[in-house]
């Protein structure tokens, strides 16, 4: 510990607080506390956290429609929905990108759907080394059965909002999507081949 010479010429020990103050360490502690206070994060006011939590809850609420009745899990539904929405075949990589789901999760879902004959692989006419995926007639029939059930469930979820709030909510989501460069309409998705 640093020593200080007292007024009578005798060395005395400096307190830890005095040593920190002299070295600036105390200011650092104050700075750290101030920075920590300024950078504290209330997750319940943090938009990314809130959006992620809402997405997970809505996804779980919708999954009850296809899990219990049709035995599909969330990744399987994402594959079926992407293929059912499109008019042509696409790659598993495309589905992974569009649904923001890891490719290994999509791969497992595709394998399960193929076993149930809901999805099939077709040769890519442009590149014979690559296979594309498309929904089978059986998969298409299941998809068509699910659409009204999911739309009804969506209405139930949004029933806490007035008609104007729903329009505002859709508009605000669109504004955020646009700022992130995300495709916002089926027409755009068809042109760019992305979501």
N, C-alpha and C. Protein backbone atom coordinates (compact mmCIF):
# COMPACT_ATOMS: atom_id res chain seq x y z
N UNK A 1 0.84 -1.18 0.00
CA UNK A 1 0.00 0.00 0.00
C UNK A 1 0.88 1.23 0.00
N UNK A 2 0.54 2.32 -0.70
CA UNK A 2 1.37 3.52 -0.75
C UNK A 2 1.51 4.16 0.63
N UNK A 3 2.66 4.78 0.82
CA UNK A 3 2.92 5.45 2.11
C UNK A 3 2.89 6.94 1.90
N UNK A 4 2.49 7.66 2.95
CA UNK A 4 2.46 9.12 2.95
C UNK A 4 3.27 9.58 4.14
N UNK A 5 3.99 10.64 3.96
CA UNK A 5 4.75 11.18 5.08
C UNK A 5 3.86 12.15 5.83
N UNK A 6 3.71 11.91 7.16
CA UNK A 6 2.85 12.78 7.96
C UNK A 6 3.56 14.10 8.21
N UNK A 7 2.84 15.04 8.75
CA UNK A 7 3.39 16.37 9.03
C UNK A 7 4.56 16.31 9.98
N UNK A 8 4.70 15.27 10.76
CA UNK A 8 5.79 15.18 11.73
C UNK A 8 6.94 14.37 11.16
N UNK A 9 6.94 14.06 9.87
CA UNK A 9 8.04 13.33 9.27
C UNK A 9 7.93 11.84 9.39
N UNK A 10 6.87 11.33 10.01
CA UNK A 10 6.69 9.89 10.17
C UNK A 10 5.77 9.36 9.06
N UNK A 11 6.17 8.30 8.40
CA UNK A 11 5.30 7.73 7.37
C UNK A 11 4.03 7.13 7.98
N UNK A 12 2.93 7.32 7.31
CA UNK A 12 1.68 6.69 7.74
C UNK A 12 1.04 6.03 6.52
N UNK A 13 0.20 5.04 6.78
CA UNK A 13 -0.46 4.34 5.67
C UNK A 13 -1.63 5.16 5.17
N UNK A 14 -1.78 5.17 3.86
CA UNK A 14 -2.90 5.84 3.21
C UNK A 14 -4.04 4.83 3.12
N UNK A 15 -5.25 5.29 3.35
CA UNK A 15 -6.39 4.37 3.25
C UNK A 15 -6.57 3.96 1.80
N UNK A 16 -7.26 2.83 1.61
CA UNK A 16 -7.50 2.32 0.27
C UNK A 16 -8.30 3.34 -0.56
N UNK A 17 -9.26 3.98 0.10
CA UNK A 17 -10.08 4.98 -0.57
C UNK A 17 -9.23 6.16 -1.04
N UNK A 18 -8.29 6.60 -0.17
CA UNK A 18 -7.42 7.71 -0.54
C UNK A 18 -6.51 7.31 -1.69
N UNK A 19 -6.00 6.07 -1.65
CA UNK A 19 -5.11 5.59 -2.72
C UNK A 19 -5.86 5.52 -4.04
N UNK A 20 -7.12 5.03 -4.01
CA UNK A 20 -7.92 4.95 -5.23
C UNK A 20 -8.21 6.34 -5.78
N UNK A 21 -8.53 7.27 -4.86
CA UNK A 21 -8.84 8.63 -5.28
C UNK A 21 -7.62 9.26 -5.94
N UNK A 22 -6.47 9.07 -5.32
CA UNK A 22 -5.24 9.65 -5.86
C UNK A 22 -4.90 9.04 -7.22
N UNK A 23 -5.12 7.73 -7.37
CA UNK A 23 -4.76 7.06 -8.62
C UNK A 23 -5.83 7.20 -9.70
N UNK A 24 -7.00 7.70 -9.30
CA UNK A 24 -8.09 7.85 -10.28
C UNK A 24 -8.96 6.62 -10.33
N UNK A 25 -8.63 5.56 -9.60
CA UNK A 25 -9.43 4.34 -9.61
C UNK A 25 -10.83 4.60 -9.10
N UNK A 26 -10.93 5.47 -8.11
CA UNK A 26 -12.25 5.79 -7.57
C UNK A 26 -13.12 6.43 -8.63
N UNK A 27 -12.50 7.34 -9.43
CA UNK A 27 -13.26 7.95 -10.52
C UNK A 27 -13.72 6.89 -11.50
N UNK A 28 -12.86 5.88 -11.71
CA UNK A 28 -13.24 4.79 -12.61
C UNK A 28 -14.43 4.04 -12.09
N UNK A 29 -14.47 3.79 -10.80
CA UNK A 29 -15.60 3.09 -10.20
C UNK A 29 -16.87 3.92 -10.36
N UNK A 30 -16.75 5.22 -10.12
CA UNK A 30 -17.91 6.09 -10.29
C UNK A 30 -18.36 6.08 -11.75
N UNK A 31 -17.36 6.12 -12.64
CA UNK A 31 -17.68 6.10 -14.07
C UNK A 31 -18.37 4.79 -14.44
N UNK A 32 -17.85 3.66 -13.91
CA UNK A 32 -18.47 2.36 -14.19
C UNK A 32 -19.90 2.32 -13.69
N UNK A 33 -20.14 2.85 -12.49
CA UNK A 33 -21.49 2.87 -11.94
C UNK A 33 -22.41 3.75 -12.80
N UNK A 34 -21.90 4.90 -13.21
CA UNK A 34 -22.70 5.81 -14.04
C UNK A 34 -23.00 5.16 -15.39
N UNK A 35 -21.99 4.49 -15.98
CA UNK A 35 -22.18 3.83 -17.27
C UNK A 35 -23.18 2.69 -17.12
N UNK A 36 -23.05 1.93 -16.05
CA UNK A 36 -23.96 0.80 -15.82
C UNK A 36 -25.39 1.31 -15.67
N UNK A 37 -25.56 2.38 -14.93
CA UNK A 37 -26.91 2.94 -14.74
C UNK A 37 -27.46 3.45 -16.06
N UNK A 38 -26.61 4.11 -16.85
CA UNK A 38 -27.07 4.66 -18.12
C UNK A 38 -27.35 3.56 -19.14
N UNK A 39 -26.64 2.44 -19.04
CA UNK A 39 -26.80 1.38 -20.03
C UNK A 39 -27.65 0.22 -19.53
N UNK A 40 -28.34 0.40 -18.42
CA UNK A 40 -29.21 -0.68 -17.97
C UNK A 40 -30.33 -0.84 -18.98
N UNK A 41 -30.78 -2.04 -19.13
CA UNK A 41 -31.73 -2.37 -20.19
C UNK A 41 -32.97 -2.98 -19.58
N UNK A 42 -34.09 -2.30 -19.75
CA UNK A 42 -35.37 -2.85 -19.32
C UNK A 42 -35.90 -3.66 -20.49
N UNK A 43 -35.77 -4.98 -20.40
CA UNK A 43 -36.18 -5.84 -21.51
C UNK A 43 -37.63 -5.64 -21.90
N UNK A 44 -38.46 -5.28 -20.93
CA UNK A 44 -39.89 -5.14 -21.22
C UNK A 44 -40.21 -3.85 -21.97
N UNK A 45 -39.19 -3.01 -22.18
CA UNK A 45 -39.34 -1.82 -23.01
C UNK A 45 -38.47 -1.90 -24.26
N UNK A 46 -37.72 -2.98 -24.40
CA UNK A 46 -36.77 -3.17 -25.50
C UNK A 46 -37.49 -3.87 -26.65
N UNK A 47 -37.69 -3.14 -27.75
CA UNK A 47 -38.51 -3.63 -28.87
C UNK A 47 -38.07 -5.00 -29.40
N UNK A 48 -36.78 -5.26 -29.63
CA UNK A 48 -36.41 -6.59 -30.14
C UNK A 48 -36.84 -7.73 -29.20
N UNK A 49 -36.69 -7.52 -27.91
CA UNK A 49 -37.12 -8.53 -26.94
C UNK A 49 -38.63 -8.73 -27.02
N UNK A 50 -39.36 -7.63 -27.07
CA UNK A 50 -40.82 -7.70 -27.10
C UNK A 50 -41.32 -8.38 -28.38
N UNK A 51 -40.71 -8.03 -29.53
CA UNK A 51 -41.11 -8.64 -30.79
C UNK A 51 -40.81 -10.13 -30.80
N UNK A 52 -39.65 -10.50 -30.29
CA UNK A 52 -39.27 -11.91 -30.23
C UNK A 52 -40.23 -12.70 -29.34
N UNK A 53 -40.56 -12.12 -28.19
CA UNK A 53 -41.47 -12.78 -27.26
C UNK A 53 -42.86 -12.93 -27.87
N UNK A 54 -43.33 -11.87 -28.51
CA UNK A 54 -44.64 -11.94 -29.18
C UNK A 54 -44.64 -13.00 -30.28
N UNK A 55 -43.59 -13.01 -31.08
CA UNK A 55 -43.50 -13.99 -32.17
C UNK A 55 -43.54 -15.41 -31.63
N UNK A 56 -42.82 -15.66 -30.54
CA UNK A 56 -42.81 -17.00 -29.95
C UNK A 56 -44.18 -17.39 -29.43
N UNK A 57 -44.86 -16.46 -28.77
CA UNK A 57 -46.20 -16.75 -28.23
C UNK A 57 -47.22 -16.96 -29.34
N UNK A 58 -47.18 -16.13 -30.36
CA UNK A 58 -48.12 -16.28 -31.47
C UNK A 58 -47.85 -17.59 -32.19
N UNK A 59 -46.59 -17.91 -32.41
CA UNK A 59 -46.22 -19.16 -33.06
C UNK A 59 -46.72 -20.35 -32.26
N UNK A 60 -46.55 -20.29 -30.94
CA UNK A 60 -47.03 -21.38 -30.08
C UNK A 60 -48.55 -21.49 -30.13
N UNK A 61 -49.24 -20.35 -30.13
CA UNK A 61 -50.71 -20.36 -30.20
C UNK A 61 -51.19 -20.97 -31.51
N UNK A 62 -50.53 -20.62 -32.61
CA UNK A 62 -50.91 -21.18 -33.90
C UNK A 62 -50.56 -22.66 -33.99
N UNK A 63 -49.47 -23.05 -33.36
CA UNK A 63 -49.02 -24.44 -33.47
C UNK A 63 -50.04 -25.42 -32.89
N UNK A 64 -50.86 -24.96 -31.96
CA UNK A 64 -51.88 -25.86 -31.41
C UNK A 64 -52.85 -26.31 -32.50
N UNK A 65 -53.04 -25.48 -33.52
CA UNK A 65 -53.94 -25.83 -34.63
C UNK A 65 -53.38 -26.96 -35.49
N UNK A 66 -52.08 -26.97 -35.71
CA UNK A 66 -51.53 -28.01 -36.59
C UNK A 66 -50.83 -29.14 -35.85
N UNK A 67 -50.46 -28.93 -34.60
CA UNK A 67 -49.78 -29.99 -33.85
C UNK A 67 -50.76 -31.08 -33.45
N UNK A 68 -51.83 -30.69 -32.77
CA UNK A 68 -52.78 -31.68 -32.24
C UNK A 68 -53.53 -32.41 -33.35
N UNK A 69 -54.01 -31.66 -34.32
CA UNK A 69 -54.86 -32.25 -35.35
C UNK A 69 -54.06 -32.97 -36.44
N UNK A 70 -52.90 -32.41 -36.80
CA UNK A 70 -52.15 -32.94 -37.95
C UNK A 70 -50.76 -33.48 -37.60
N UNK A 71 -50.36 -33.36 -36.36
CA UNK A 71 -49.07 -33.90 -35.94
C UNK A 71 -47.86 -33.18 -36.51
N UNK A 72 -48.01 -31.90 -36.82
CA UNK A 72 -46.90 -31.11 -37.35
C UNK A 72 -46.27 -30.28 -36.24
N UNK A 73 -44.95 -30.19 -36.25
CA UNK A 73 -44.31 -29.26 -35.32
C UNK A 73 -44.07 -27.93 -36.05
N UNK A 74 -43.54 -26.95 -35.34
CA UNK A 74 -43.38 -25.61 -35.91
C UNK A 74 -42.48 -25.61 -37.16
N UNK A 75 -41.29 -26.23 -37.12
CA UNK A 75 -40.47 -26.22 -38.35
C UNK A 75 -41.15 -26.93 -39.52
N UNK A 76 -41.86 -28.02 -39.26
CA UNK A 76 -42.56 -28.73 -40.33
C UNK A 76 -43.64 -27.83 -40.94
N UNK A 77 -44.35 -27.11 -40.07
CA UNK A 77 -45.36 -26.18 -40.58
C UNK A 77 -44.71 -25.10 -41.43
N UNK A 78 -43.56 -24.58 -41.00
CA UNK A 78 -42.89 -23.53 -41.77
C UNK A 78 -42.52 -24.01 -43.17
N UNK A 79 -42.05 -25.25 -43.26
CA UNK A 79 -41.72 -25.82 -44.57
C UNK A 79 -42.98 -25.95 -45.41
N UNK A 80 -44.01 -26.54 -44.84
CA UNK A 80 -45.27 -26.76 -45.56
C UNK A 80 -45.90 -25.43 -45.98
N UNK A 81 -45.87 -24.45 -45.09
CA UNK A 81 -46.45 -23.14 -45.39
C UNK A 81 -45.69 -22.45 -46.53
N UNK A 82 -44.37 -22.52 -46.48
CA UNK A 82 -43.57 -21.88 -47.54
C UNK A 82 -43.83 -22.54 -48.88
N UNK A 83 -43.85 -23.87 -48.90
CA UNK A 83 -44.10 -24.58 -50.15
C UNK A 83 -45.54 -24.42 -50.61
N UNK A 84 -46.48 -24.42 -49.68
CA UNK A 84 -47.88 -24.26 -50.03
C UNK A 84 -48.19 -22.88 -50.57
N UNK A 85 -47.48 -21.90 -50.08
CA UNK A 85 -47.67 -20.51 -50.51
C UNK A 85 -47.15 -20.28 -51.93
N UNK A 86 -46.09 -21.00 -52.27
CA UNK A 86 -45.44 -20.83 -53.58
C UNK A 86 -46.12 -21.71 -54.63
N UNK A 87 -45.97 -21.31 -55.88
CA UNK A 87 -46.52 -22.10 -56.98
C UNK A 87 -45.48 -23.02 -57.59
N UNK A 88 -44.22 -22.83 -57.20
CA UNK A 88 -43.17 -23.65 -57.78
C UNK A 88 -42.26 -24.21 -56.68
N UNK A 89 -41.43 -25.15 -57.07
CA UNK A 89 -40.52 -25.79 -56.11
C UNK A 89 -39.42 -24.81 -55.71
N UNK A 90 -38.83 -25.07 -54.55
CA UNK A 90 -37.72 -24.23 -54.08
C UNK A 90 -36.77 -25.08 -53.25
N UNK A 91 -35.62 -24.51 -52.94
CA UNK A 91 -34.60 -25.24 -52.18
C UNK A 91 -34.86 -25.15 -50.68
N UNK A 92 -34.28 -26.09 -49.96
CA UNK A 92 -34.36 -26.05 -48.49
C UNK A 92 -33.66 -24.80 -47.97
N UNK A 93 -32.61 -24.38 -48.66
CA UNK A 93 -31.89 -23.16 -48.27
C UNK A 93 -32.81 -21.95 -48.38
N UNK A 94 -33.61 -21.91 -49.42
CA UNK A 94 -34.57 -20.82 -49.59
C UNK A 94 -35.57 -20.80 -48.42
N UNK A 95 -36.08 -21.97 -48.05
CA UNK A 95 -37.03 -22.06 -46.93
C UNK A 95 -36.37 -21.60 -45.64
N UNK A 96 -35.14 -22.02 -45.44
CA UNK A 96 -34.39 -21.62 -44.25
C UNK A 96 -34.25 -20.11 -44.19
N UNK A 97 -33.91 -19.50 -45.31
CA UNK A 97 -33.74 -18.04 -45.36
C UNK A 97 -35.07 -17.32 -45.13
N UNK A 98 -36.10 -17.78 -45.81
CA UNK A 98 -37.41 -17.11 -45.72
C UNK A 98 -38.00 -17.18 -44.33
N UNK A 99 -37.84 -18.33 -43.68
CA UNK A 99 -38.46 -18.52 -42.36
C UNK A 99 -37.54 -18.15 -41.21
N UNK A 100 -36.30 -17.78 -41.55
CA UNK A 100 -35.30 -17.43 -40.52
C UNK A 100 -35.10 -18.59 -39.54
N UNK A 101 -35.05 -19.80 -40.10
CA UNK A 101 -34.89 -21.02 -39.31
C UNK A 101 -33.59 -21.70 -39.74
N UNK A 102 -32.83 -22.20 -38.78
CA UNK A 102 -31.54 -22.83 -39.08
C UNK A 102 -31.71 -23.96 -40.08
N UNK A 103 -30.74 -24.10 -40.98
CA UNK A 103 -30.86 -25.08 -42.07
C UNK A 103 -30.95 -26.52 -41.56
N UNK A 104 -30.30 -26.84 -40.44
CA UNK A 104 -30.39 -28.21 -39.92
C UNK A 104 -31.80 -28.51 -39.40
N UNK A 105 -32.46 -27.49 -38.85
CA UNK A 105 -33.84 -27.65 -38.38
C UNK A 105 -34.77 -27.86 -39.57
N UNK A 106 -34.55 -27.10 -40.63
CA UNK A 106 -35.35 -27.26 -41.85
C UNK A 106 -35.10 -28.63 -42.46
N UNK A 107 -33.86 -29.07 -42.47
CA UNK A 107 -33.51 -30.37 -43.03
C UNK A 107 -34.25 -31.50 -42.30
N UNK A 108 -34.28 -31.44 -40.98
CA UNK A 108 -35.00 -32.46 -40.20
C UNK A 108 -36.50 -32.41 -40.51
N UNK A 109 -37.04 -31.19 -40.63
CA UNK A 109 -38.46 -31.04 -40.94
C UNK A 109 -38.78 -31.61 -42.32
N UNK A 110 -37.92 -31.33 -43.29
CA UNK A 110 -38.13 -31.85 -44.65
C UNK A 110 -38.13 -33.38 -44.63
N UNK A 111 -37.18 -33.96 -43.92
CA UNK A 111 -37.10 -35.42 -43.83
C UNK A 111 -38.40 -36.00 -43.25
N UNK A 112 -38.90 -35.39 -42.18
CA UNK A 112 -40.14 -35.87 -41.56
C UNK A 112 -41.32 -35.72 -42.51
N UNK A 113 -41.40 -34.61 -43.22
CA UNK A 113 -42.50 -34.37 -44.16
C UNK A 113 -42.42 -35.31 -45.36
N UNK A 114 -41.22 -35.64 -45.79
CA UNK A 114 -41.06 -36.58 -46.89
C UNK A 114 -41.51 -37.98 -46.47
N UNK A 115 -41.20 -38.36 -45.25
CA UNK A 115 -41.64 -39.67 -44.74
C UNK A 115 -43.17 -39.77 -44.72
N UNK A 116 -43.81 -38.64 -44.46
CA UNK A 116 -45.28 -38.61 -44.43
C UNK A 116 -45.87 -38.33 -45.82
N UNK A 117 -45.02 -38.21 -46.81
CA UNK A 117 -45.40 -37.96 -48.20
C UNK A 117 -46.18 -36.65 -48.37
N UNK A 118 -45.78 -35.65 -47.59
CA UNK A 118 -46.38 -34.32 -47.70
C UNK A 118 -45.53 -33.40 -48.57
N UNK A 119 -44.26 -33.75 -48.70
CA UNK A 119 -43.28 -32.98 -49.48
C UNK A 119 -42.46 -33.97 -50.28
N UNK A 120 -42.02 -33.54 -51.46
CA UNK A 120 -41.16 -34.39 -52.28
C UNK A 120 -40.02 -33.58 -52.88
N UNK A 121 -38.97 -34.31 -53.23
CA UNK A 121 -37.82 -33.69 -53.89
C UNK A 121 -38.00 -33.82 -55.39
N UNK A 122 -37.62 -32.75 -56.09
CA UNK A 122 -37.62 -32.80 -57.56
C UNK A 122 -36.29 -32.25 -58.04
N UNK A 123 -35.88 -32.75 -59.19
CA UNK A 123 -34.60 -32.30 -59.75
C UNK A 123 -34.70 -30.85 -60.20
N UNK A 124 -33.67 -30.09 -59.93
CA UNK A 124 -33.60 -28.71 -60.40
C UNK A 124 -33.24 -28.75 -61.88
N UNK A 125 -34.10 -28.21 -62.72
CA UNK A 125 -33.87 -28.23 -64.17
C UNK A 125 -32.64 -27.41 -64.56
N UNK A 126 -32.32 -26.38 -63.77
CA UNK A 126 -31.18 -25.52 -64.08
C UNK A 126 -29.85 -26.10 -63.61
N UNK A 127 -29.90 -26.94 -62.57
CA UNK A 127 -28.68 -27.52 -62.00
C UNK A 127 -29.03 -28.91 -61.49
N UNK A 128 -28.68 -29.91 -62.25
CA UNK A 128 -29.08 -31.29 -61.93
C UNK A 128 -28.44 -31.83 -60.65
N UNK A 129 -27.45 -31.12 -60.14
CA UNK A 129 -26.83 -31.55 -58.88
C UNK A 129 -27.68 -31.15 -57.68
N UNK A 130 -28.59 -30.22 -57.90
CA UNK A 130 -29.40 -29.69 -56.79
C UNK A 130 -30.84 -30.19 -56.89
N UNK A 131 -31.40 -30.48 -55.72
CA UNK A 131 -32.80 -30.86 -55.66
C UNK A 131 -33.61 -29.71 -55.09
N UNK A 132 -34.83 -29.62 -55.53
CA UNK A 132 -35.76 -28.64 -54.99
C UNK A 132 -36.88 -29.39 -54.29
N UNK A 133 -37.65 -28.67 -53.55
CA UNK A 133 -38.74 -29.27 -52.80
C UNK A 133 -40.06 -28.71 -53.29
N UNK A 134 -41.07 -29.56 -53.27
CA UNK A 134 -42.42 -29.09 -53.56
C UNK A 134 -43.40 -29.89 -52.72
N UNK A 135 -44.54 -29.30 -52.52
CA UNK A 135 -45.58 -29.95 -51.74
C UNK A 135 -46.27 -31.00 -52.63
N UNK A 136 -46.60 -32.14 -52.06
CA UNK A 136 -47.30 -33.20 -52.80
C UNK A 136 -48.81 -32.88 -52.79
N UNK A 137 -49.60 -33.59 -53.59
CA UNK A 137 -51.06 -33.38 -53.51
C UNK A 137 -51.59 -33.62 -52.09
N UNK A 138 -51.06 -34.61 -51.40
CA UNK A 138 -51.47 -34.88 -50.01
C UNK A 138 -51.09 -33.70 -49.11
N UNK A 139 -49.88 -33.17 -49.30
CA UNK A 139 -49.43 -32.01 -48.53
C UNK A 139 -50.24 -30.76 -48.85
N UNK A 140 -50.59 -30.61 -50.11
CA UNK A 140 -51.39 -29.46 -50.52
C UNK A 140 -52.79 -29.52 -49.90
N UNK A 141 -53.37 -30.71 -49.86
CA UNK A 141 -54.70 -30.88 -49.25
C UNK A 141 -54.65 -30.53 -47.77
N UNK A 142 -53.60 -30.97 -47.07
CA UNK A 142 -53.45 -30.64 -45.65
C UNK A 142 -53.29 -29.13 -45.47
N UNK A 143 -52.47 -28.53 -46.31
CA UNK A 143 -52.25 -27.08 -46.25
C UNK A 143 -53.57 -26.33 -46.44
N UNK A 144 -54.36 -26.75 -47.42
CA UNK A 144 -55.64 -26.09 -47.68
C UNK A 144 -56.62 -26.26 -46.51
N UNK A 145 -56.56 -27.38 -45.82
CA UNK A 145 -57.40 -27.58 -44.63
C UNK A 145 -56.99 -26.66 -43.49
N UNK A 146 -55.71 -26.42 -43.40
CA UNK A 146 -55.18 -25.62 -42.30
C UNK A 146 -55.43 -24.12 -42.45
N UNK A 147 -55.46 -23.62 -43.67
CA UNK A 147 -55.56 -22.17 -43.89
C UNK A 147 -56.73 -21.54 -43.13
N UNK A 148 -57.97 -22.03 -43.28
CA UNK A 148 -59.06 -21.35 -42.55
C UNK A 148 -58.92 -21.44 -41.03
N UNK A 149 -58.38 -22.54 -40.54
CA UNK A 149 -58.18 -22.70 -39.09
C UNK A 149 -57.16 -21.68 -38.58
N UNK A 150 -56.07 -21.49 -39.34
CA UNK A 150 -55.03 -20.55 -38.93
C UNK A 150 -55.50 -19.10 -39.05
N UNK A 151 -56.26 -18.82 -40.08
CA UNK A 151 -56.80 -17.45 -40.22
C UNK A 151 -57.77 -17.13 -39.08
N UNK A 152 -58.58 -18.12 -38.70
CA UNK A 152 -59.49 -17.92 -37.57
C UNK A 152 -58.70 -17.70 -36.27
N UNK A 153 -57.64 -18.47 -36.10
CA UNK A 153 -56.81 -18.33 -34.89
C UNK A 153 -56.13 -16.96 -34.87
N UNK A 154 -55.69 -16.50 -36.04
CA UNK A 154 -55.09 -15.17 -36.13
C UNK A 154 -56.09 -14.11 -35.67
N UNK A 155 -57.32 -14.23 -36.11
CA UNK A 155 -58.37 -13.27 -35.72
C UNK A 155 -58.59 -13.30 -34.20
N UNK A 156 -58.55 -14.48 -33.61
CA UNK A 156 -58.70 -14.60 -32.16
C UNK A 156 -57.56 -13.89 -31.44
N UNK A 157 -56.36 -14.07 -31.93
CA UNK A 157 -55.18 -13.45 -31.31
C UNK A 157 -55.27 -11.93 -31.39
N UNK A 158 -55.74 -11.43 -32.54
CA UNK A 158 -55.81 -9.98 -32.75
C UNK A 158 -57.12 -9.37 -32.24
N UNK A 159 -57.98 -10.17 -31.66
CA UNK A 159 -59.29 -9.66 -31.22
C UNK A 159 -59.19 -8.62 -30.10
N UNK A 160 -58.04 -8.52 -29.46
CA UNK A 160 -57.84 -7.52 -28.41
C UNK A 160 -57.65 -6.12 -29.01
N UNK A 161 -57.50 -6.04 -30.34
CA UNK A 161 -57.31 -4.76 -31.02
C UNK A 161 -58.58 -4.36 -31.76
N UNK A 162 -58.82 -3.06 -31.80
CA UNK A 162 -59.94 -2.54 -32.60
C UNK A 162 -59.55 -2.65 -34.08
N UNK A 163 -60.51 -2.44 -34.95
CA UNK A 163 -60.23 -2.49 -36.39
C UNK A 163 -59.16 -1.46 -36.76
N UNK A 164 -59.25 -0.26 -36.19
CA UNK A 164 -58.24 0.78 -36.47
C UNK A 164 -56.87 0.38 -35.93
N UNK A 165 -56.85 -0.21 -34.75
CA UNK A 165 -55.57 -0.64 -34.18
C UNK A 165 -54.95 -1.75 -35.04
N UNK A 166 -55.75 -2.63 -35.59
CA UNK A 166 -55.23 -3.68 -36.47
C UNK A 166 -54.60 -3.06 -37.72
N UNK A 167 -55.28 -2.08 -38.29
CA UNK A 167 -54.72 -1.41 -39.48
C UNK A 167 -53.42 -0.69 -39.12
N UNK A 168 -53.41 -0.01 -37.97
CA UNK A 168 -52.20 0.69 -37.51
C UNK A 168 -51.07 -0.30 -37.25
N UNK A 169 -51.40 -1.40 -36.62
CA UNK A 169 -50.42 -2.44 -36.31
C UNK A 169 -49.80 -2.99 -37.60
N UNK A 170 -50.64 -3.30 -38.58
CA UNK A 170 -50.14 -3.80 -39.87
C UNK A 170 -49.26 -2.76 -40.55
N UNK A 171 -49.68 -1.50 -40.50
CA UNK A 171 -48.91 -0.42 -41.11
C UNK A 171 -47.55 -0.27 -40.43
N UNK A 172 -47.53 -0.30 -39.10
CA UNK A 172 -46.29 -0.15 -38.35
C UNK A 172 -45.34 -1.33 -38.59
N UNK A 173 -45.89 -2.54 -38.63
CA UNK A 173 -45.06 -3.70 -38.95
C UNK A 173 -44.44 -3.53 -40.34
N UNK A 174 -45.26 -3.05 -41.28
CA UNK A 174 -44.76 -2.81 -42.63
C UNK A 174 -43.65 -1.79 -42.67
N UNK A 175 -43.77 -0.75 -41.86
CA UNK A 175 -42.73 0.28 -41.80
C UNK A 175 -41.41 -0.32 -41.32
N UNK A 176 -41.48 -1.15 -40.29
CA UNK A 176 -40.26 -1.79 -39.76
C UNK A 176 -39.69 -2.76 -40.78
N UNK A 177 -40.56 -3.57 -41.38
CA UNK A 177 -40.10 -4.53 -42.40
C UNK A 177 -39.40 -3.80 -43.55
N UNK A 178 -40.00 -2.71 -43.99
CA UNK A 178 -39.42 -1.94 -45.10
C UNK A 178 -38.05 -1.38 -44.71
N UNK A 179 -37.94 -0.88 -43.47
CA UNK A 179 -36.66 -0.31 -43.03
C UNK A 179 -35.56 -1.37 -42.96
N UNK A 180 -35.97 -2.63 -42.79
CA UNK A 180 -35.00 -3.74 -42.74
C UNK A 180 -34.80 -4.41 -44.10
N UNK A 181 -35.48 -3.87 -45.12
CA UNK A 181 -35.33 -4.41 -46.46
C UNK A 181 -36.05 -5.72 -46.68
N UNK A 182 -37.08 -6.00 -45.90
CA UNK A 182 -37.83 -7.25 -46.04
C UNK A 182 -38.93 -7.09 -47.08
N UNK A 183 -39.17 -8.15 -47.83
CA UNK A 183 -40.24 -8.17 -48.81
C UNK A 183 -41.56 -8.10 -48.05
N UNK A 184 -42.52 -7.35 -48.58
CA UNK A 184 -43.77 -7.12 -47.86
C UNK A 184 -45.02 -7.65 -48.53
N UNK A 185 -44.93 -8.05 -49.79
CA UNK A 185 -46.12 -8.55 -50.47
C UNK A 185 -45.79 -9.82 -51.25
N UNK A 186 -46.84 -10.59 -51.55
CA UNK A 186 -46.67 -11.81 -52.35
C UNK A 186 -46.10 -11.47 -53.72
N UNK A 187 -46.54 -10.35 -54.27
CA UNK A 187 -46.06 -9.93 -55.59
C UNK A 187 -44.55 -9.68 -55.56
N UNK A 188 -44.09 -8.96 -54.52
CA UNK A 188 -42.65 -8.71 -54.38
C UNK A 188 -41.89 -10.01 -54.19
N UNK A 189 -42.45 -10.93 -53.38
CA UNK A 189 -41.78 -12.20 -53.11
C UNK A 189 -41.62 -12.98 -54.42
N UNK A 190 -42.64 -12.93 -55.26
CA UNK A 190 -42.57 -13.62 -56.54
C UNK A 190 -41.50 -13.04 -57.46
N UNK A 191 -41.35 -11.72 -57.45
CA UNK A 191 -40.36 -11.06 -58.30
C UNK A 191 -38.94 -11.31 -57.82
N UNK A 192 -38.73 -11.18 -56.53
CA UNK A 192 -37.36 -11.29 -56.00
C UNK A 192 -36.99 -12.71 -55.62
N UNK A 193 -37.99 -13.55 -55.44
CA UNK A 193 -37.70 -14.92 -55.00
C UNK A 193 -37.31 -14.97 -53.54
N UNK A 194 -37.65 -13.95 -52.78
CA UNK A 194 -37.30 -13.90 -51.35
C UNK A 194 -38.49 -13.45 -50.54
N UNK A 195 -38.33 -13.51 -49.24
CA UNK A 195 -39.35 -13.02 -48.32
C UNK A 195 -38.78 -11.82 -47.60
